[in-house]
Amino acid sequence: MSEETRNQEAVETQSQDQLDQIVSLKKGDTVKGTIVKLEDNQAYVSIGYKYDGVIPVRELSAVQLDNASDAVQVGQEVECKVVSINDDKESLVLSKRAIDTEIAWESLEKHFADQDAIEVVVADVVKGGLVVDVGARGFIPASMVERHFVEDFSDYKGRTLRVKVKELDRENNKVILSQKDVLEEEFEANKQKVMADLKEGQVLEGTVQRLTQFGAFVDVGGVDGLVHVSEIAWSHVEKPSDALSEGDKVTVKVLKVDPEKGKISLSIKAAQQGPWETAADKFNTGDIVTGEVRRLVNFGAFVELAPGVEGLVHISQISHKHIGTPQEVLKEGQEVQVKILDINVDEKRVSLSIKETEEAPASSPRPEKQSKGPKIDLKDNPNVSLNNQGMSVTLGERFGDKLSKFK
């Protein structure tokens, strides 16, 4: 057989195969082709048939699209399923979505079993969460997007997220995804690494993340540690928001690290110079200073001289006059002048006096004693003897003349 004859037979065989394909094309068949033209609401595909097929925009993706160009580009190879065919009207409707969904479910089931992370692009923001195209329509509930609460998702459209398959229901075409699970896993891995490097006594820079009634959570290298309200400042802090705001940059000292419980205890005040460290330079015995009454107790009053430095005014040193309780003359928050009687920085004790800053009141003269009975005028009385040593009256002198009558 000549070479020319063999080539002719090959061409005839190929033509017959193409003819067989054309003849056998039917609804439900899977075909491959190339995108040759795009319109807003459809894409044209050449599959080697006698006319091009059309993929409506709703059949391009599992999610709603505004334009066909959002899913495919001219020259792109695609695999589709025949939805309908009408040679009389030269109508061939294809679906890329049908093939993508079949392939996607096999992949999704594997990712669900392995619990590995996959990348997705947010196609739409809807009430309650985000919609993504994973071959099938995937949904990320709002509570599964971030580790923290997000009020507005409007700028999430078009973002690439790393998610895990949280729930699958092929019968109902339900795919639930979670980025939060990925973030939590990464956070815990980073947390363990950071905690392993933290040492008690270490001083770090951090950022205030959250405020609660009992303290502030501060980010130190990707993990949060708690600064209890009592560790925020040397002075008394009623609630954290009185001294801090979210986003504040702070210097903290590591008090304790508990890897098993995943807890880090921090202190802002411990990272600063303590007030007692400078008290010896500020205050001396005998100084008269201004302070604020912080607490009243039965035995006296505690007066704050500087943030973190309090001294005791014993009840006996409050007033020159006798008082039963400090509340009789003082109230919390009152500003007072005090004299430093004694200061012991090592023991963090200061003895104070209020009364020594005030002039003692002048003593009142003692009233004369009043004699009982009628007043007797002894002057020029012959029965009274007056001399330089005083005066004396005898019974004989007083009643002698009367007694003489009875002799």
Protein backbone atom coordinates (compact mmCIF):
# COMPACT_ATOMS: atom_id res chain seq x y z
CA MET A 1 0.00 0.00 0.00
CA SER A 2 1.39 3.36 -1.00
CA GLU A 3 2.04 6.22 1.44
CA GLU A 4 -0.58 8.35 -0.30
CA THR A 5 -3.19 5.64 0.13
CA ARG A 6 -2.43 5.29 3.86
CA ASN A 7 -2.75 9.05 4.39
CA GLN A 8 -6.05 9.11 2.60
CA GLU A 9 -7.42 6.32 4.79
CA ALA A 10 -6.30 8.17 7.95
CA VAL A 11 -8.12 11.34 6.86
CA GLU A 12 -11.24 9.33 6.09
CA THR A 13 -11.03 7.60 9.48
CA GLN A 14 -10.68 10.97 11.29
CA SER A 15 -13.59 12.41 9.34
CA GLN A 16 -15.67 9.35 10.20
CA ASP A 17 -14.76 9.77 13.91
CA GLN A 18 -15.82 13.41 13.80
CA LEU A 19 -19.02 12.43 12.03
CA ASP A 20 -19.65 9.75 14.63
CA GLN A 21 -19.15 12.37 17.38
CA ILE A 22 -21.60 14.72 15.76
CA VAL A 23 -24.14 12.04 15.27
CA SER A 24 -23.76 10.65 18.81
CA LEU A 25 -23.84 14.00 20.68
CA LYS A 26 -26.77 14.02 23.08
CA LYS A 27 -28.07 15.57 26.28
CA GLY A 28 -25.94 14.68 29.33
CA ASP A 29 -22.76 14.10 27.38
CA THR A 30 -19.48 15.58 28.65
CA VAL A 31 -17.50 17.59 26.11
CA LYS A 32 -14.33 19.69 26.08
CA GLY A 33 -13.91 22.93 24.22
CA THR A 34 -12.39 26.42 24.06
CA ILE A 35 -14.03 29.74 24.90
CA VAL A 36 -14.18 31.69 21.62
CA LYS A 37 -16.46 34.61 22.50
CA LEU A 38 -17.88 36.35 25.56
CA GLU A 39 -21.03 38.34 26.07
CA ASP A 40 -22.38 39.74 29.33
CA ASN A 41 -24.78 36.90 29.94
CA GLN A 42 -23.16 33.96 28.10
CA ALA A 43 -19.99 32.42 26.70
CA TYR A 44 -19.51 30.69 23.32
CA VAL A 45 -17.56 27.43 23.22
CA SER A 46 -16.07 25.63 20.28
CA ILE A 47 -16.22 21.87 20.85
CA GLY A 48 -15.54 20.77 17.25
CA TYR A 49 -19.23 20.45 16.53
CA LYS A 50 -20.88 21.91 13.42
CA TYR A 51 -21.82 24.98 15.48
CA ASP A 52 -20.63 26.48 18.74
CA GLY A 53 -22.21 25.75 22.08
CA VAL A 54 -23.43 28.40 24.51
CA ILE A 55 -22.88 28.50 28.28
CA PRO A 56 -25.44 30.80 29.94
CA VAL A 57 -23.94 32.88 32.80
CA ARG A 58 -25.98 30.92 35.35
CA GLU A 59 -24.25 27.73 34.14
CA LEU A 60 -20.75 29.15 34.37
CA SER A 61 -20.43 29.10 38.15
CA ALA A 62 -22.05 27.76 41.28
CA VAL A 63 -22.41 31.34 42.52
CA GLN A 64 -24.25 34.28 41.02
CA LEU A 65 -22.19 36.31 38.52
CA ASP A 66 -22.74 39.72 37.02
CA ASN A 67 -20.84 38.96 33.81
CA ALA A 68 -19.55 35.87 32.02
CA SER A 69 -16.06 37.39 32.08
CA ASP A 70 -16.06 36.97 35.88
CA ALA A 71 -15.77 33.20 35.36
CA VAL A 72 -13.93 32.52 32.07
CA GLN A 73 -11.72 34.20 29.47
CA VAL A 74 -11.43 33.84 25.69
CA GLY A 75 -9.01 31.01 24.83
CA GLN A 76 -9.63 29.16 28.08
CA GLU A 77 -10.24 25.43 27.81
CA VAL A 78 -13.33 24.19 29.61
CA GLU A 79 -15.14 20.94 30.26
CA CYS A 80 -18.93 21.06 30.02
CA LYS A 81 -22.03 18.93 30.11
CA VAL A 82 -24.65 19.05 27.35
CA VAL A 83 -27.84 20.54 28.79
CA SER A 84 -29.84 20.56 25.56
CA ILE A 85 -29.26 20.21 21.80
CA ASN A 86 -31.47 21.22 18.86
CA ASP A 87 -29.82 20.85 15.47
CA ASP A 88 -32.79 22.34 13.66
CA LYS A 89 -32.31 25.61 15.54
CA GLU A 90 -28.55 25.11 15.86
CA SER A 91 -28.93 25.41 19.61
CA LEU A 92 -26.40 23.69 21.87
CA VAL A 93 -26.65 24.69 25.55
CA LEU A 94 -23.78 23.64 27.82
CA SER A 95 -23.06 23.78 31.54
CA LYS A 96 -19.62 24.28 32.99
CA ARG A 97 -21.10 24.42 36.49
CA ALA A 98 -22.42 20.84 36.30
CA ILE A 99 -18.96 19.40 35.64
CA ASP A 100 -17.25 21.69 38.15
CA THR A 101 -19.73 20.64 40.84
CA GLU A 102 -19.15 16.92 40.25
CA ILE A 103 -15.39 17.38 40.45
CA ALA A 104 -15.71 19.78 43.40
CA TRP A 105 -17.68 17.35 45.58
CA GLU A 106 -15.00 14.70 45.26
CA SER A 107 -12.37 17.26 46.24
CA LEU A 108 -14.49 18.73 49.05
CA GLU A 109 -15.08 15.32 50.58
CA LYS A 110 -11.33 14.70 50.61
CA HIS A 111 -10.60 18.11 52.20
CA PHE A 112 -13.34 17.47 54.76
CA ALA A 113 -11.77 14.13 55.69
CA ASP A 114 -8.23 15.55 55.85
CA GLN A 115 -9.29 18.83 57.51
CA ASP A 116 -6.68 20.72 55.52
CA ALA A 117 -6.98 24.37 54.47
CA ILE A 118 -7.96 25.51 50.99
CA GLU A 119 -7.94 28.96 49.38
CA VAL A 120 -11.18 30.52 48.19
CA VAL A 121 -12.17 33.90 46.78
CA VAL A 122 -15.18 35.71 48.22
CA ALA A 123 -17.73 35.99 45.41
CA ASP A 124 -20.45 37.81 47.30
CA VAL A 125 -21.41 39.27 50.66
CA VAL A 126 -24.91 38.29 51.77
CA LYS A 127 -26.93 38.54 54.95
CA GLY A 128 -25.34 36.30 57.52
CA GLY A 129 -22.01 35.68 55.84
CA LEU A 130 -19.92 35.24 52.69
CA VAL A 131 -20.47 33.23 49.50
CA VAL A 132 -17.56 31.56 47.70
CA ASP A 133 -17.20 29.39 44.62
CA VAL A 134 -15.60 26.03 45.37
CA GLY A 135 -17.10 24.31 42.36
CA ALA A 136 -20.23 24.16 44.45
CA ARG A 137 -21.71 27.12 46.30
CA GLY A 138 -19.81 27.50 49.55
CA PHE A 139 -21.01 29.58 52.49
CA ILE A 140 -18.95 31.05 55.35
CA PRO A 141 -21.24 32.12 58.22
CA ALA A 142 -20.39 35.49 59.78
CA SER A 143 -19.40 33.79 63.02
CA MET A 144 -16.84 31.66 61.16
CA VAL A 145 -15.03 34.41 59.26
CA GLU A 146 -12.70 35.83 61.92
CA ARG A 147 -11.63 35.10 65.49
CA HIS A 148 -13.15 38.42 66.51
CA PHE A 149 -16.55 39.98 65.85
CA VAL A 150 -16.89 41.78 62.50
CA GLU A 151 -19.71 44.26 62.13
CA ASP A 152 -19.37 45.07 58.42
CA PHE A 153 -18.26 42.59 55.71
CA SER A 154 -18.76 44.94 52.76
CA ASP A 155 -15.04 45.10 51.94
CA TYR A 156 -14.58 41.31 51.96
CA LYS A 157 -15.77 40.77 48.37
CA GLY A 158 -12.84 39.67 46.21
CA ARG A 159 -10.66 38.72 49.16
CA THR A 160 -8.79 35.43 49.19
CA LEU A 161 -9.38 33.46 52.38
CA ARG A 162 -7.95 30.23 53.74
CA VAL A 163 -10.75 27.99 54.98
CA LYS A 164 -11.59 24.51 56.20
CA VAL A 165 -14.61 22.47 55.19
CA LYS A 166 -16.84 22.55 58.25
CA GLU A 167 -19.95 20.74 57.00
CA LEU A 168 -21.01 18.88 53.82
CA ASP A 169 -24.45 17.78 52.63
CA ARG A 170 -24.27 16.71 49.00
CA GLU A 171 -27.94 15.79 48.80
CA ASN A 172 -28.94 19.35 49.67
CA ASN A 173 -25.90 20.90 47.95
CA LYS A 174 -24.79 22.42 51.26
CA VAL A 175 -21.16 23.41 51.83
CA ILE A 176 -20.24 25.24 55.07
CA LEU A 177 -16.71 26.62 55.35
CA SER A 178 -14.76 28.28 58.17
CA GLN A 179 -11.82 30.63 58.10
CA LYS A 180 -12.02 30.98 61.89
CA ASP A 181 -10.94 27.36 62.36
CA VAL A 182 -7.80 28.00 60.30
CA LEU A 183 -7.03 31.19 62.23
CA GLU A 184 -7.62 29.50 65.60
CA GLU A 185 -5.30 26.65 64.69
CA GLU A 186 -2.59 29.06 63.55
CA PHE A 187 -3.10 31.21 66.64
CA GLU A 188 -2.71 28.25 69.00
CA ALA A 189 0.44 27.09 67.22
CA ASN A 190 1.92 30.59 67.42
CA LYS A 191 0.77 30.95 71.03
CA GLN A 192 2.64 27.83 72.12
CA LYS A 193 5.78 29.05 70.34
CA VAL A 194 5.59 32.51 71.91
CA MET A 195 4.83 31.12 75.38
CA ALA A 196 7.81 28.79 75.14
CA ASP A 197 10.04 31.85 74.58
CA LEU A 198 8.52 33.99 77.35
CA LYS A 199 10.33 34.22 80.68
CA GLU A 200 9.05 35.53 84.01
CA GLY A 201 10.46 38.98 84.65
CA GLN A 202 10.83 39.75 80.95
CA VAL A 203 9.83 43.29 79.88
CA LEU A 204 7.97 43.57 76.56
CA GLU A 205 6.13 46.05 74.39
CA GLY A 206 2.46 45.25 73.78
CA THR A 207 -0.83 46.58 72.46
CA VAL A 208 -4.07 46.74 74.42
CA GLN A 209 -6.56 44.50 72.60
CA ARG A 210 -9.60 44.31 74.91
CA LEU A 211 -10.81 45.87 78.14
CA THR A 212 -12.97 44.04 80.67
CA GLN A 213 -14.18 44.86 84.17
CA PHE A 214 -11.34 42.86 85.73
CA GLY A 215 -8.43 43.89 83.53
CA ALA A 216 -6.92 44.45 80.09
CA PHE A 217 -5.79 41.90 77.49
CA VAL A 218 -2.50 42.94 75.91
CA ASP A 219 -1.06 41.45 72.70
CA VAL A 220 2.60 40.50 73.14
CA GLY A 221 3.87 38.97 69.91
CA GLY A 222 0.60 37.51 68.66
CA VAL A 223 -0.75 36.19 71.95
CA ASP A 224 -2.80 37.95 74.61
CA GLY A 225 -1.79 38.23 78.24
CA LEU A 226 -3.93 39.58 81.07
CA VAL A 227 -3.06 42.69 83.02
CA HIS A 228 -5.29 42.53 86.10
CA VAL A 229 -6.84 45.84 87.14
CA SER A 230 -4.62 45.84 90.24
CA GLU A 231 -1.52 45.67 87.99
CA ILE A 232 -2.38 48.59 85.72
CA ALA A 233 -0.96 51.42 87.86
CA TRP A 234 0.64 52.09 91.22
CA SER A 235 -2.31 54.28 92.11
CA HIS A 236 -5.77 52.80 92.61
CA VAL A 237 -7.67 52.13 89.35
CA GLU A 238 -11.42 51.63 89.68
CA LYS A 239 -11.89 50.13 86.21
CA PRO A 240 -9.43 49.53 83.33
CA SER A 241 -11.13 52.01 80.99
CA ASP A 242 -10.24 54.80 83.44
CA ALA A 243 -6.55 54.31 82.61
CA LEU A 244 -6.37 52.50 79.24
CA SER A 245 -7.93 52.46 75.77
CA GLU A 246 -7.95 49.73 73.11
CA GLY A 247 -4.98 50.21 70.78
CA ASP A 248 -2.74 51.78 73.44
CA LYS A 249 0.93 50.82 73.26
CA VAL A 250 2.16 49.76 76.70
CA THR A 251 5.26 48.33 78.34
CA VAL A 252 4.55 45.23 80.41
CA LYS A 253 6.45 42.85 82.65
CA VAL A 254 5.80 39.09 82.54
CA LEU A 255 4.62 37.92 85.96
CA LYS A 256 3.70 34.32 85.18
CA VAL A 257 3.48 31.94 82.20
CA ASP A 258 1.25 28.84 82.34
CA PRO A 259 1.60 26.87 79.04
CA GLU A 260 -0.79 24.13 80.20
CA LYS A 261 -3.64 26.57 80.77
CA GLY A 262 -2.48 28.87 78.00
CA LYS A 263 -2.43 31.88 80.35
CA ILE A 264 0.01 34.77 80.61
CA SER A 265 -0.08 37.20 83.54
CA LEU A 266 1.34 40.65 82.86
CA SER A 267 1.87 43.88 84.78
CA ILE A 268 2.14 47.44 83.54
CA LYS A 269 3.03 48.96 86.91
CA ALA A 270 5.81 46.41 87.54
CA ALA A 271 7.50 47.59 84.34
CA GLN A 272 7.67 51.11 85.77
CA GLN A 273 9.74 52.53 88.61
CA GLY A 274 7.80 52.02 91.83
CA PRO A 275 6.71 55.05 93.85
CA TRP A 276 8.50 53.80 96.96
CA GLU A 277 11.76 53.72 95.02
CA THR A 278 11.58 57.49 94.66
CA ALA A 279 9.79 58.23 97.95
CA ALA A 280 13.08 58.57 99.86
CA ASP A 281 14.13 61.41 97.54
CA LYS A 282 10.76 63.15 97.69
CA PHE A 283 9.84 62.95 101.36
CA ASN A 284 11.70 63.49 104.62
CA THR A 285 10.80 63.35 108.30
CA GLY A 286 9.42 66.71 109.39
CA ASP A 287 8.12 67.71 105.94
CA ILE A 288 4.63 69.16 105.71
CA VAL A 289 2.94 68.01 102.50
CA THR A 290 -0.50 67.88 100.93
CA GLY A 291 -2.25 64.54 100.62
CA GLU A 292 -5.64 63.00 99.93
CA VAL A 293 -7.62 60.92 102.40
CA ARG A 294 -8.02 57.54 100.68
CA ARG A 295 -9.47 55.34 103.43
CA LEU A 296 -10.94 55.80 106.89
CA VAL A 297 -10.64 53.05 109.49
CA ASN A 298 -11.45 52.86 113.20
CA PHE A 299 -7.88 53.57 114.24
CA GLY A 300 -7.09 56.36 111.81
CA ALA A 301 -6.92 57.59 108.21
CA PHE A 302 -4.76 56.53 105.27
CA VAL A 303 -3.55 59.54 103.30
CA GLU A 304 -2.02 59.28 99.83
CA LEU A 305 1.10 61.45 99.49
CA ALA A 306 1.87 60.38 95.89
CA PRO A 307 0.48 57.70 93.57
CA GLY A 308 1.19 54.42 95.36
CA VAL A 309 2.53 56.00 98.55
CA GLU A 310 0.15 56.08 101.51
CA GLY A 311 0.77 56.96 105.13
CA LEU A 312 -1.25 56.48 108.30
CA VAL A 313 -2.59 59.29 110.44
CA HIS A 314 -3.35 57.61 113.75
CA ILE A 315 -6.63 58.73 115.31
CA SER A 316 -4.65 60.43 118.08
CA GLN A 317 -2.89 62.55 115.44
CA ILE A 318 -5.99 63.74 113.62
CA SER A 319 -7.25 66.51 115.89
CA HIS A 320 -6.27 68.43 119.01
CA LYS A 321 -9.68 67.71 120.44
CA HIS A 322 -10.80 64.24 121.42
CA ILE A 323 -12.69 62.35 118.68
CA GLY A 324 -14.36 58.96 118.78
CA THR A 325 -13.94 58.08 115.09
CA PRO A 326 -12.00 59.64 112.16
CA GLN A 327 -15.31 60.12 110.32
CA GLU A 328 -16.22 62.89 112.75
CA VAL A 329 -13.72 65.29 111.16
CA LEU A 330 -12.56 63.63 107.89
CA LYS A 331 -14.07 62.17 104.73
CA GLU A 332 -12.60 60.10 101.90
CA GLY A 333 -11.33 62.23 99.01
CA GLN A 334 -10.64 65.20 101.27
CA GLU A 335 -7.37 67.10 100.75
CA VAL A 336 -5.39 67.62 103.96
CA GLN A 337 -2.07 68.99 105.18
CA VAL A 338 0.03 66.40 107.00
CA LYS A 339 3.38 66.35 108.75
CA ILE A 340 5.67 63.37 108.21
CA LEU A 341 6.52 61.99 111.62
CA ASP A 342 8.49 58.98 110.37
CA ILE A 343 9.17 57.33 106.99
CA ASN A 344 10.51 53.81 106.38
CA VAL A 345 10.94 53.15 102.65
CA ASP A 346 12.10 49.55 103.09
CA GLU A 347 8.95 48.63 105.03
CA LYS A 348 6.82 51.02 102.96
CA ARG A 349 5.43 52.77 106.01
CA VAL A 350 4.86 56.44 106.76
CA SER A 351 3.53 57.88 110.01
CA LEU A 352 1.68 61.17 109.60
CA SER A 353 0.03 63.84 111.73
CA ILE A 354 -2.64 66.35 110.85
CA LYS A 355 -2.84 68.07 114.21
CA GLU A 356 0.85 68.97 114.17
CA THR A 357 0.22 71.13 111.11
CA GLU A 358 -2.33 73.14 113.09
CA GLU A 359 -1.91 75.53 116.01
CA ALA A 360 -3.16 74.09 119.26
CA PRO A 361 -6.15 76.02 120.66
CA ALA A 362 -5.48 78.25 123.72
CA SER A 363 -6.39 76.62 127.05
CA SER A 364 -9.43 78.13 128.86
CA PRO A 365 -8.94 79.52 132.46
CA ARG A 366 -10.24 77.23 135.22
CA PRO A 367 -13.41 78.60 136.91
CA GLU A 368 -13.17 79.64 140.64
CA LYS A 369 -14.76 77.30 143.15
CA GLN A 370 -17.90 78.72 144.77
CA SER A 371 -18.21 78.17 148.56
CA LYS A 372 -21.38 76.63 149.86
CA GLY A 373 -23.64 78.43 152.35
CA PRO A 374 -24.07 82.15 153.09
CA LYS A 375 -21.19 84.49 152.63
CA ILE A 376 -19.75 85.70 155.98
CA ASP A 377 -18.06 89.05 156.17
CA LEU A 378 -15.07 88.54 158.44
CA LYS A 379 -13.69 92.03 158.21
CA ASP A 380 -13.83 93.97 161.51
CA ASN A 381 -15.34 90.92 163.19
CA PRO A 382 -13.95 90.75 166.77
CA ASN A 383 -14.39 87.00 166.82
CA VAL A 384 -12.09 86.49 163.79
CA SER A 385 -8.34 86.66 164.05
CA LEU A 386 -6.49 87.84 160.93
CA ASN A 387 -2.75 87.56 160.63
CA ASN A 388 -0.08 87.22 157.96
CA GLN A 389 -0.41 83.46 157.93
CA GLY A 390 -4.10 83.64 157.13
CA MET A 391 -7.11 83.82 159.27
CA SER A 392 -8.52 81.50 161.93
CA VAL A 393 -11.72 81.43 164.01
CA THR A 394 -12.01 79.41 167.24
CA LEU A 395 -15.23 78.15 168.82
CA GLY A 396 -14.37 79.91 172.05
CA GLU A 397 -13.88 83.22 170.28
CA ARG A 398 -17.00 82.75 168.19
CA PHE A 399 -19.36 81.66 171.01
CA GLY A 400 -17.54 82.79 174.18
CA ASP A 401 -19.94 85.65 175.05
CA LYS A 402 -22.90 83.36 174.79
CA LEU A 403 -21.37 80.64 176.92
CA SER A 404 -20.55 83.14 179.70
CA LYS A 405 -24.27 83.58 180.48
CA PHE A 406 -24.51 79.99 181.64
CA LYS A 407 -21.77 80.29 184.22
